[in-house]
Amino acid sequence: PSTVTYNDNTYSVTSIGWYAFDHCSGLTSVTIPNSVTSIG
């Protein structure tokens, strides 16, 4: 998602962090939103 809500606050998703999906061999496709500026 481009945004996510936690404790009544909405945050913009701006990066995919280090090792975020390391060894997620079952993923078949990924869509990265326009809010993200870096892939770690």
ModelCIF file with pLDDT and N, C-alpha, C, O atoms, coordinates in Angstrom:
data_MODEL
#
_entry.id   MODEL 
#
_entity.id                         1 
_entity.type                       polymer 
_entity.pdbx_number_of_molecules   1 
#
_entity_poly.entity_id                      1 
_entity_poly.type                           'polypeptide(L)' 
_entity_poly.nstd_linkage                   no 
_entity_poly.nstd_monomer                   no 
_entity_poly.pdbx_seq_one_letter_code       PSTVTYNDNTYSVTSIGWYAFDHCSGLTSVTIPNSVTSIG 
_entity_poly.pdbx_seq_one_letter_code_can   PSTVTYNDNTYSVTSIGWYAFDHCSGLTSVTIPNSVTSIG 
_entity_poly.pdbx_strand_id                 A 
#
loop_
_entity_poly_seq.entity_id 
_entity_poly_seq.num 
_entity_poly_seq.mon_id 
_entity_poly_seq.hetero 
1 1  PRO n 
1 2  SER n 
1 3  THR n 
1 4  VAL n 
1 5  THR n 
1 6  TYR n 
1 7  ASN n 
1 8  ASP n 
1 9  ASN n 
1 10 THR n 
1 11 TYR n 
1 12 SER n 
1 13 VAL n 
1 14 THR n 
1 15 SER n 
1 16 ILE n 
1 17 GLY n 
1 18 TRP n 
1 19 TYR n 
1 20 ALA n 
1 21 PHE n 
1 22 ASP n 
1 23 HIS n 
1 24 CYS n 
1 25 SER n 
1 26 GLY n 
1 27 LEU n 
1 28 THR n 
1 29 SER n 
1 30 VAL n 
1 31 THR n 
1 32 ILE n 
1 33 PRO n 
1 34 ASN n 
1 35 SER n 
1 36 VAL n 
1 37 THR n 
1 38 SER n 
1 39 ILE n 
1 40 GLY n 
#
_struct_asym.id          A 
_struct_asym.entity_id   1 
#
loop_
_ma_qa_metric.id 
_ma_qa_metric.mode 
_ma_qa_metric.name 
_ma_qa_metric.software_group_id 
_ma_qa_metric.type 
1 global pLDDT . pLDDT 
2 local  pLDDT . pLDDT 
#
_ma_qa_metric_global.metric_id      1 
_ma_qa_metric_global.metric_value   97.53 
_ma_qa_metric_global.model_id       1 
_ma_qa_metric_global.ordinal_id     1 
#
loop_
_ma_qa_metric_local.label_asym_id 
_ma_qa_metric_local.label_comp_id 
_ma_qa_metric_local.label_seq_id 
_ma_qa_metric_local.metric_id 
_ma_qa_metric_local.metric_value 
_ma_qa_metric_local.model_id 
_ma_qa_metric_local.ordinal_id 
A PRO 1  2 98.00 1 1  
A SER 2  2 98.00 1 2  
A THR 3  2 98.00 1 3  
A VAL 4  2 98.00 1 4  
A THR 5  2 97.00 1 5  
A TYR 6  2 97.00 1 6  
A ASN 7  2 96.00 1 7  
A ASP 8  2 95.00 1 8  
A ASN 9  2 95.00 1 9  
A THR 10 2 97.00 1 10 
A TYR 11 2 97.00 1 11 
A SER 12 2 98.00 1 12 
A VAL 13 2 98.00 1 13 
A THR 14 2 98.00 1 14 
A SER 15 2 98.00 1 15 
A ILE 16 2 98.00 1 16 
A GLY 17 2 97.00 1 17 
A TRP 18 2 96.00 1 18 
A TYR 19 2 96.00 1 19 
A ALA 20 2 98.00 1 20 
A PHE 21 2 98.00 1 21 
A ASP 22 2 97.00 1 22 
A HIS 23 2 97.00 1 23 
A CYS 24 2 98.00 1 24 
A SER 25 2 98.00 1 25 
A GLY 26 2 98.00 1 26 
A LEU 27 2 98.00 1 27 
A THR 28 2 98.00 1 28 
A SER 29 2 98.00 1 29 
A VAL 30 2 98.00 1 30 
A THR 31 2 98.00 1 31 
A ILE 32 2 98.00 1 32 
A PRO 33 2 98.00 1 33 
A ASN 34 2 98.00 1 34 
A SER 35 2 98.00 1 35 
A VAL 36 2 98.00 1 36 
A THR 37 2 98.00 1 37 
A SER 38 2 98.00 1 38 
A ILE 39 2 98.00 1 39 
A GLY 40 2 98.00 1 40 
#
loop_
_atom_site.group_PDB 
_atom_site.id 
_atom_site.type_symbol 
_atom_site.label_atom_id 
_atom_site.label_alt_id 
_atom_site.label_comp_id 
_atom_site.label_asym_id 
_atom_site.label_entity_id 
_atom_site.label_seq_id 
_atom_site.pdbx_PDB_ins_code 
_atom_site.Cartn_x 
_atom_site.Cartn_y 
_atom_site.Cartn_z 
_atom_site.occupancy 
_atom_site.B_iso_or_equiv 
_atom_site.pdbx_formal_charge 
_atom_site.auth_seq_id 
_atom_site.auth_comp_id 
_atom_site.auth_asym_id 
_atom_site.auth_atom_id 
_atom_site.pdbx_PDB_model_num 
ATOM 1   N N  . PRO A 1 1  ? 0.830  -1.216  0.000  1.00 98.00 ? 1  PRO A N  1 
ATOM 2   C CA . PRO A 1 1  ? 0.000  0.000   0.000  1.00 98.00 ? 1  PRO A CA 1 
ATOM 3   C C  . PRO A 1 1  ? 0.860  1.260   0.000  1.00 98.00 ? 1  PRO A C  1 
ATOM 4   O O  . PRO A 1 1  ? 2.015  1.235   0.424  1.00 98.00 ? 1  PRO A O  1 
ATOM 5   N N  . SER A 1 2  ? 0.288  2.353   -0.476 1.00 98.00 ? 2  SER A N  1 
ATOM 6   C CA . SER A 1 2  ? 1.004  3.638   -0.462 1.00 98.00 ? 2  SER A CA 1 
ATOM 7   C C  . SER A 1 2  ? 0.880  4.329   0.887  1.00 98.00 ? 2  SER A C  1 
ATOM 8   O O  . SER A 1 2  ? 1.729  5.145   1.248  1.00 98.00 ? 2  SER A O  1 
ATOM 9   N N  . THR A 1 3  ? -0.179 4.006   1.639  1.00 98.00 ? 3  THR A N  1 
ATOM 10  C CA . THR A 1 3  ? -0.358 4.549   2.986  1.00 98.00 ? 3  THR A CA 1 
ATOM 11  C C  . THR A 1 3  ? -0.825 3.445   3.918  1.00 98.00 ? 3  THR A C  1 
ATOM 12  O O  . THR A 1 3  ? -1.397 2.447   3.478  1.00 98.00 ? 3  THR A O  1 
ATOM 13  N N  . VAL A 1 4  ? -0.578 3.631   5.207  1.00 98.00 ? 4  VAL A N  1 
ATOM 14  C CA . VAL A 1 4  ? -1.016 2.664   6.202  1.00 98.00 ? 4  VAL A CA 1 
ATOM 15  C C  . VAL A 1 4  ? -1.362 3.419   7.483  1.00 98.00 ? 4  VAL A C  1 
ATOM 16  O O  . VAL A 1 4  ? -0.709 4.407   7.819  1.00 98.00 ? 4  VAL A O  1 
ATOM 17  N N  . THR A 1 5  ? -2.379 2.960   8.191  1.00 97.00 ? 5  THR A N  1 
ATOM 18  C CA . THR A 1 5  ? -2.851 3.647   9.400  1.00 97.00 ? 5  THR A CA 1 
ATOM 19  C C  . THR A 1 5  ? -2.517 2.840   10.644 1.00 97.00 ? 5  THR A C  1 
ATOM 20  O O  . THR A 1 5  ? -2.706 1.625   10.697 1.00 97.00 ? 5  THR A O  1 
ATOM 21  N N  . TYR A 1 6  ? -2.010 3.562   11.650 1.00 97.00 ? 6  TYR A N  1 
ATOM 22  C CA . TYR A 1 6  ? -1.667 2.939   12.924 1.00 97.00 ? 6  TYR A CA 1 
ATOM 23  C C  . TYR A 1 6  ? -1.925 3.949   14.042 1.00 97.00 ? 6  TYR A C  1 
ATOM 24  O O  . TYR A 1 6  ? -1.471 5.091   13.965 1.00 97.00 ? 6  TYR A O  1 
ATOM 25  N N  . ASN A 1 7  ? -2.644 3.535   15.069 1.00 96.00 ? 7  ASN A N  1 
ATOM 26  C CA . ASN A 1 7  ? -2.990 4.415   16.202 1.00 96.00 ? 7  ASN A CA 1 
ATOM 27  C C  . ASN A 1 7  ? -3.609 5.741   15.728 1.00 96.00 ? 7  ASN A C  1 
ATOM 28  O O  . ASN A 1 7  ? -3.265 6.817   16.218 1.00 96.00 ? 7  ASN A O  1 
ATOM 29  N N  . ASP A 1 8  ? -4.521 5.631   14.771 1.00 95.00 ? 8  ASP A N  1 
ATOM 30  C CA . ASP A 1 8  ? -5.255 6.776   14.229 1.00 95.00 ? 8  ASP A CA 1 
ATOM 31  C C  . ASP A 1 8  ? -4.378 7.745   13.436 1.00 95.00 ? 8  ASP A C  1 
ATOM 32  O O  . ASP A 1 8  ? -4.823 8.839   13.090 1.00 95.00 ? 8  ASP A O  1 
ATOM 33  N N  . ASN A 1 9  ? -3.146 7.355   13.150 1.00 95.00 ? 9  ASN A N  1 
ATOM 34  C CA . ASN A 1 9  ? -2.265 8.162   12.300 1.00 95.00 ? 9  ASN A CA 1 
ATOM 35  C C  . ASN A 1 9  ? -2.060 7.449   10.971 1.00 95.00 ? 9  ASN A C  1 
ATOM 36  O O  . ASN A 1 9  ? -1.860 6.235   10.927 1.00 95.00 ? 9  ASN A O  1 
ATOM 37  N N  . THR A 1 10 ? -2.112 8.218   9.894  1.00 97.00 ? 10 THR A N  1 
ATOM 38  C CA . THR A 1 10 ? -1.890 7.655   8.567  1.00 97.00 ? 10 THR A CA 1 
ATOM 39  C C  . THR A 1 10 ? -0.496 8.027   8.085  1.00 97.00 ? 10 THR A C  1 
ATOM 40  O O  . THR A 1 10 ? -0.120 9.199   8.066  1.00 97.00 ? 10 THR A O  1 
ATOM 41  N N  . TYR A 1 11 ? 0.268  7.000   7.692  1.00 97.00 ? 11 TYR A N  1 
ATOM 42  C CA . TYR A 1 11 ? 1.651  7.200   7.273  1.00 97.00 ? 11 TYR A CA 1 
ATOM 43  C C  . TYR A 1 11 ? 1.805  6.866   5.795  1.00 97.00 ? 11 TYR A C  1 
ATOM 44  O O  . TYR A 1 11 ? 1.116  5.996   5.263  1.00 97.00 ? 11 TYR A O  1 
ATOM 45  N N  . SER A 1 12 ? 2.719  7.572   5.145  1.00 98.00 ? 12 SER A N  1 
ATOM 46  C CA . SER A 1 12 ? 3.079  7.249   3.776  1.00 98.00 ? 12 SER A CA 1 
ATOM 47  C C  . SER A 1 12 ? 4.168  6.176   3.777  1.00 98.00 ? 12 SER A C  1 
ATOM 48  O O  . SER A 1 12 ? 5.131  6.257   4.540  1.00 98.00 ? 12 SER A O  1 
ATOM 49  N N  . VAL A 1 13 ? 4.007  5.188   2.928  1.00 98.00 ? 13 VAL A N  1 
ATOM 50  C CA . VAL A 1 13 ? 5.000  4.121   2.812  1.00 98.00 ? 13 VAL A CA 1 
ATOM 51  C C  . VAL A 1 13 ? 6.054  4.580   1.807  1.00 98.00 ? 13 VAL A C  1 
ATOM 52  O O  . VAL A 1 13 ? 5.789  4.648   0.607  1.00 98.00 ? 13 VAL A O  1 
ATOM 53  N N  . THR A 1 14 ? 7.258  4.897   2.308  1.00 98.00 ? 14 THR A N  1 
ATOM 54  C CA . THR A 1 14 ? 8.260  5.535   1.452  1.00 98.00 ? 14 THR A CA 1 
ATOM 55  C C  . THR A 1 14 ? 9.463  4.668   1.114  1.00 98.00 ? 14 THR A C  1 
ATOM 56  O O  . THR A 1 14 ? 10.269 5.049   0.266  1.00 98.00 ? 14 THR A O  1 
ATOM 57  N N  . SER A 1 15 ? 9.606  3.511   1.754  1.00 98.00 ? 15 SER A N  1 
ATOM 58  C CA . SER A 1 15 ? 10.760 2.674   1.428  1.00 98.00 ? 15 SER A CA 1 
ATOM 59  C C  . SER A 1 15 ? 10.496 1.209   1.734  1.00 98.00 ? 15 SER A C  1 
ATOM 60  O O  . SER A 1 15 ? 9.678  0.864   2.587  1.00 98.00 ? 15 SER A O  1 
ATOM 61  N N  . ILE A 1 16 ? 11.212 0.363   1.016  1.00 98.00 ? 16 ILE A N  1 
ATOM 62  C CA . ILE A 1 16 ? 11.254 -1.068  1.298  1.00 98.00 ? 16 ILE A CA 1 
ATOM 63  C C  . ILE A 1 16 ? 12.597 -1.311  1.969  1.00 98.00 ? 16 ILE A C  1 
ATOM 64  O O  . ILE A 1 16 ? 13.641 -1.142  1.339  1.00 98.00 ? 16 ILE A O  1 
ATOM 65  N N  . GLY A 1 17 ? 12.586 -1.700  3.224  1.00 97.00 ? 17 GLY A N  1 
ATOM 66  C CA . GLY A 1 17 ? 13.808 -1.776  4.009  1.00 97.00 ? 17 GLY A CA 1 
ATOM 67  C C  . GLY A 1 17 ? 14.692 -2.967  3.690  1.00 97.00 ? 17 GLY A C  1 
ATOM 68  O O  . GLY A 1 17 ? 14.322 -3.852  2.918  1.00 97.00 ? 17 GLY A O  1 
ATOM 69  N N  . TRP A 1 18 ? 15.884 -2.970  4.308  1.00 96.00 ? 18 TRP A N  1 
ATOM 70  C CA . TRP A 1 18 ? 16.830 -4.069  4.182  1.00 96.00 ? 18 TRP A CA 1 
ATOM 71  C C  . TRP A 1 18 ? 16.168 -5.395  4.569  1.00 96.00 ? 18 TRP A C  1 
ATOM 72  O O  . TRP A 1 18 ? 15.484 -5.477  5.589  1.00 96.00 ? 18 TRP A O  1 
ATOM 73  N N  . TYR A 1 19 ? 16.371 -6.413  3.761  1.00 96.00 ? 19 TYR A N  1 
ATOM 74  C CA . TYR A 1 19 ? 15.922 -7.776  4.049  1.00 96.00 ? 19 TYR A CA 1 
ATOM 75  C C  . TYR A 1 19 ? 14.403 -7.881  4.241  1.00 96.00 ? 19 TYR A C  1 
ATOM 76  O O  . TYR A 1 19 ? 13.928 -8.865  4.809  1.00 96.00 ? 19 TYR A O  1 
ATOM 77  N N  . ALA A 1 20 ? 13.644 -6.902  3.786  1.00 98.00 ? 20 ALA A N  1 
ATOM 78  C CA . ALA A 1 20 ? 12.205 -6.879  4.068  1.00 98.00 ? 20 ALA A CA 1 
ATOM 79  C C  . ALA A 1 20 ? 11.501 -8.160  3.631  1.00 98.00 ? 20 ALA A C  1 
ATOM 80  O O  . ALA A 1 20 ? 10.623 -8.655  4.336  1.00 98.00 ? 20 ALA A O  1 
ATOM 81  N N  . PHE A 1 21 ? 11.880 -8.698  2.473  1.00 98.00 ? 21 PHE A N  1 
ATOM 82  C CA . PHE A 1 21 ? 11.235 -9.919  1.965  1.00 98.00 ? 21 PHE A CA 1 
ATOM 83  C C  . PHE A 1 21 ? 12.268 -10.995 1.640  1.00 98.00 ? 21 PHE A C  1 
ATOM 84  O O  . PHE A 1 21 ? 12.064 -11.807 0.738  1.00 98.00 ? 21 PHE A O  1 
ATOM 85  N N  . ASP A 1 22 ? 13.362 -10.997 2.370  1.00 97.00 ? 22 ASP A N  1 
ATOM 86  C CA . ASP A 1 22 ? 14.422 -11.983 2.195  1.00 97.00 ? 22 ASP A CA 1 
ATOM 87  C C  . ASP A 1 22 ? 13.856 -13.401 2.300  1.00 97.00 ? 22 ASP A C  1 
ATOM 88  O O  . ASP A 1 22 ? 13.182 -13.746 3.270  1.00 97.00 ? 22 ASP A O  1 
ATOM 89  N N  . HIS A 1 23 ? 14.150 -14.221 1.270  1.00 97.00 ? 23 HIS A N  1 
ATOM 90  C CA . HIS A 1 23 ? 13.739 -15.631 1.236  1.00 97.00 ? 23 HIS A CA 1 
ATOM 91  C C  . HIS A 1 23 ? 12.212 -15.827 1.190  1.00 97.00 ? 23 HIS A C  1 
ATOM 92  O O  . HIS A 1 23 ? 11.717 -16.884 1.582  1.00 97.00 ? 23 HIS A O  1 
ATOM 93  N N  . CYS A 1 24 ? 11.477 -14.832 0.722  1.00 98.00 ? 24 CYS A N  1 
ATOM 94  C CA . CYS A 1 24 ? 10.029 -15.010 0.536  1.00 98.00 ? 24 CYS A CA 1 
ATOM 95  C C  . CYS A 1 24 ? 9.798  -15.690 -0.817 1.00 98.00 ? 24 CYS A C  1 
ATOM 96  O O  . CYS A 1 24 ? 9.294  -15.072 -1.755 1.00 98.00 ? 24 CYS A O  1 
ATOM 97  N N  . SER A 1 25 ? 10.166 -16.950 -0.902 1.00 98.00 ? 25 SER A N  1 
ATOM 98  C CA . SER A 1 25 ? 10.160 -17.666 -2.172 1.00 98.00 ? 25 SER A CA 1 
ATOM 99  C C  . SER A 1 25 ? 8.753  -17.939 -2.688 1.00 98.00 ? 25 SER A C  1 
ATOM 100 O O  . SER A 1 25 ? 8.578  -18.297 -3.853 1.00 98.00 ? 25 SER A O  1 
ATOM 101 N N  . GLY A 1 26 ? 7.739  -17.771 -1.820 1.00 98.00 ? 26 GLY A N  1 
ATOM 102 C CA . GLY A 1 26 ? 6.363  -17.998 -2.240 1.00 98.00 ? 26 GLY A CA 1 
ATOM 103 C C  . GLY A 1 26 ? 5.698  -16.792 -2.876 1.00 98.00 ? 26 GLY A C  1 
ATOM 104 O O  . GLY A 1 26 ? 4.580  -16.899 -3.379 1.00 98.00 ? 26 GLY A O  1 
ATOM 105 N N  . LEU A 1 27 ? 6.365  -15.644 -2.863 1.00 98.00 ? 27 LEU A N  1 
ATOM 106 C CA . LEU A 1 27 ? 5.819  -14.472 -3.554 1.00 98.00 ? 27 LEU A CA 1 
ATOM 107 C C  . LEU A 1 27 ? 5.883  -14.695 -5.056 1.00 98.00 ? 27 LEU A C  1 
ATOM 108 O O  . LEU A 1 27 ? 6.902  -15.152 -5.575 1.00 98.00 ? 27 LEU A O  1 
ATOM 109 N N  . THR A 1 28 ? 4.800  -14.376 -5.759 1.00 98.00 ? 28 THR A N  1 
ATOM 110 C CA . THR A 1 28 ? 4.768  -14.574 -7.211 1.00 98.00 ? 28 THR A CA 1 
ATOM 111 C C  . THR A 1 28 ? 4.801  -13.254 -7.975 1.00 98.00 ? 28 THR A C  1 
ATOM 112 O O  . THR A 1 28 ? 5.306  -13.200 -9.097 1.00 98.00 ? 28 THR A O  1 
ATOM 113 N N  . SER A 1 29 ? 4.267  -12.192 -7.379 1.00 98.00 ? 29 SER A N  1 
ATOM 114 C CA . SER A 1 29 ? 4.338  -10.872 -8.012 1.00 98.00 ? 29 SER A CA 1 
ATOM 115 C C  . SER A 1 29 ? 4.300  -9.810  -6.927 1.00 98.00 ? 29 SER A C  1 
ATOM 116 O O  . SER A 1 29 ? 3.737  -10.014 -5.852 1.00 98.00 ? 29 SER A O  1 
ATOM 117 N N  . VAL A 1 30 ? 4.912  -8.669  -7.231 1.00 98.00 ? 30 VAL A N  1 
ATOM 118 C CA . VAL A 1 30 ? 4.956  -7.561  -6.277 1.00 98.00 ? 30 VAL A CA 1 
ATOM 119 C C  . VAL A 1 30 ? 4.669  -6.266  -7.013 1.00 98.00 ? 30 VAL A C  1 
ATOM 120 O O  . VAL A 1 30 ? 5.238  -5.995  -8.070 1.00 98.00 ? 30 VAL A O  1 
ATOM 121 N N  . THR A 1 31 ? 3.775  -5.467  -6.437 1.00 98.00 ? 31 THR A N  1 
ATOM 122 C CA . THR A 1 31 ? 3.512  -4.123  -6.951 1.00 98.00 ? 31 THR A CA 1 
ATOM 123 C C  . THR A 1 31 ? 3.974  -3.126  -5.894 1.00 98.00 ? 31 THR A C  1 
ATOM 124 O O  . THR A 1 31 ? 3.485  -3.126  -4.764 1.00 98.00 ? 31 THR A O  1 
ATOM 125 N N  . ILE A 1 32 ? 4.924  -2.278  -6.279 1.00 98.00 ? 32 ILE A N  1 
ATOM 126 C CA . ILE A 1 32 ? 5.490  -1.280  -5.373 1.00 98.00 ? 32 ILE A CA 1 
ATOM 127 C C  . ILE A 1 32 ? 4.854  0.066   -5.709 1.00 98.00 ? 32 ILE A C  1 
ATOM 128 O O  . ILE A 1 32 ? 4.924  0.502   -6.858 1.00 98.00 ? 32 ILE A O  1 
ATOM 129 N N  . PRO A 1 33 ? 4.241  0.730   -4.741 1.00 98.00 ? 33 PRO A N  1 
ATOM 130 C CA . PRO A 1 33 ? 3.467  1.946   -5.041 1.00 98.00 ? 33 PRO A CA 1 
ATOM 131 C C  . PRO A 1 33 ? 4.339  3.156   -5.368 1.00 98.00 ? 33 PRO A C  1 
ATOM 132 O O  . PRO A 1 33 ? 5.548  3.152   -5.137 1.00 98.00 ? 33 PRO A O  1 
ATOM 133 N N  . ASN A 1 34 ? 3.698  4.187   -5.909 1.00 98.00 ? 34 ASN A N  1 
ATOM 134 C CA . ASN A 1 34 ? 4.409  5.410   -6.288 1.00 98.00 ? 34 ASN A CA 1 
ATOM 135 C C  . ASN A 1 34 ? 4.921  6.200   -5.091 1.00 98.00 ? 34 ASN A C  1 
ATOM 136 O O  . ASN A 1 34 ? 5.731  7.112   -5.255 1.00 98.00 ? 34 ASN A O  1 
ATOM 137 N N  . SER A 1 35 ? 4.456  5.862   -3.883 1.00 98.00 ? 35 SER A N  1 
ATOM 138 C CA . SER A 1 35 ? 4.932  6.562   -2.686 1.00 98.00 ? 35 SER A CA 1 
ATOM 139 C C  . SER A 1 35 ? 6.348  6.153   -2.299 1.00 98.00 ? 35 SER A C  1 
ATOM 140 O O  . SER A 1 35 ? 7.047  6.903   -1.616 1.00 98.00 ? 35 SER A O  1 
ATOM 141 N N  . VAL A 1 36 ? 6.771  4.979   -2.727 1.00 98.00 ? 36 VAL A N  1 
ATOM 142 C CA . VAL A 1 36 ? 8.082  4.443   -2.347 1.00 98.00 ? 36 VAL A CA 1 
ATOM 143 C C  . VAL A 1 36 ? 9.183  5.105   -3.161 1.00 98.00 ? 36 VAL A C  1 
ATOM 144 O O  . VAL A 1 36 ? 9.087  5.219   -4.383 1.00 98.00 ? 36 VAL A O  1 
ATOM 145 N N  . THR A 1 37 ? 10.244 5.546   -2.456 1.00 98.00 ? 37 THR A N  1 
ATOM 146 C CA . THR A 1 37 ? 11.372 6.202   -3.137 1.00 98.00 ? 37 THR A CA 1 
ATOM 147 C C  . THR A 1 37 ? 12.630 5.349   -3.158 1.00 98.00 ? 37 THR A C  1 
ATOM 148 O O  . THR A 1 37 ? 13.534 5.620   -3.948 1.00 98.00 ? 37 THR A O  1 
ATOM 149 N N  . SER A 1 38 ? 12.716 4.326   -2.316 1.00 98.00 ? 38 SER A N  1 
ATOM 150 C CA . SER A 1 38 ? 13.932 3.509   -2.309 1.00 98.00 ? 38 SER A CA 1 
ATOM 151 C C  . SER A 1 38 ? 13.608 2.046   -2.005 1.00 98.00 ? 38 SER A C  1 
ATOM 152 O O  . SER A 1 38 ? 12.697 1.731   -1.240 1.00 98.00 ? 38 SER A O  1 
ATOM 153 N N  . ILE A 1 39 ? 14.391 1.167   -2.635 1.00 98.00 ? 39 ILE A N  1 
ATOM 154 C CA . ILE A 1 39 ? 14.313 -0.270  -2.399 1.00 98.00 ? 39 ILE A CA 1 
ATOM 155 C C  . ILE A 1 39 ? 15.640 -0.676  -1.787 1.00 98.00 ? 39 ILE A C  1 
ATOM 156 O O  . ILE A 1 39 ? 16.680 -0.583  -2.438 1.00 98.00 ? 39 ILE A O  1 
ATOM 157 N N  . GLY A 1 40 ? 15.613 -1.125  -0.541 1.00 98.00 ? 40 GLY A N  1 
ATOM 158 C CA . GLY A 1 40 ? 16.825 -1.335  0.228  1.00 98.00 ? 40 GLY A CA 1 
ATOM 159 C C  . GLY A 1 40 ? 17.618 -2.573  -0.136 1.00 98.00 ? 40 GLY A C  1 
ATOM 160 O O  . GLY A 1 40 ? 18.661 -2.836  0.462  1.00 98.00 ? 40 GLY A O  1 
#
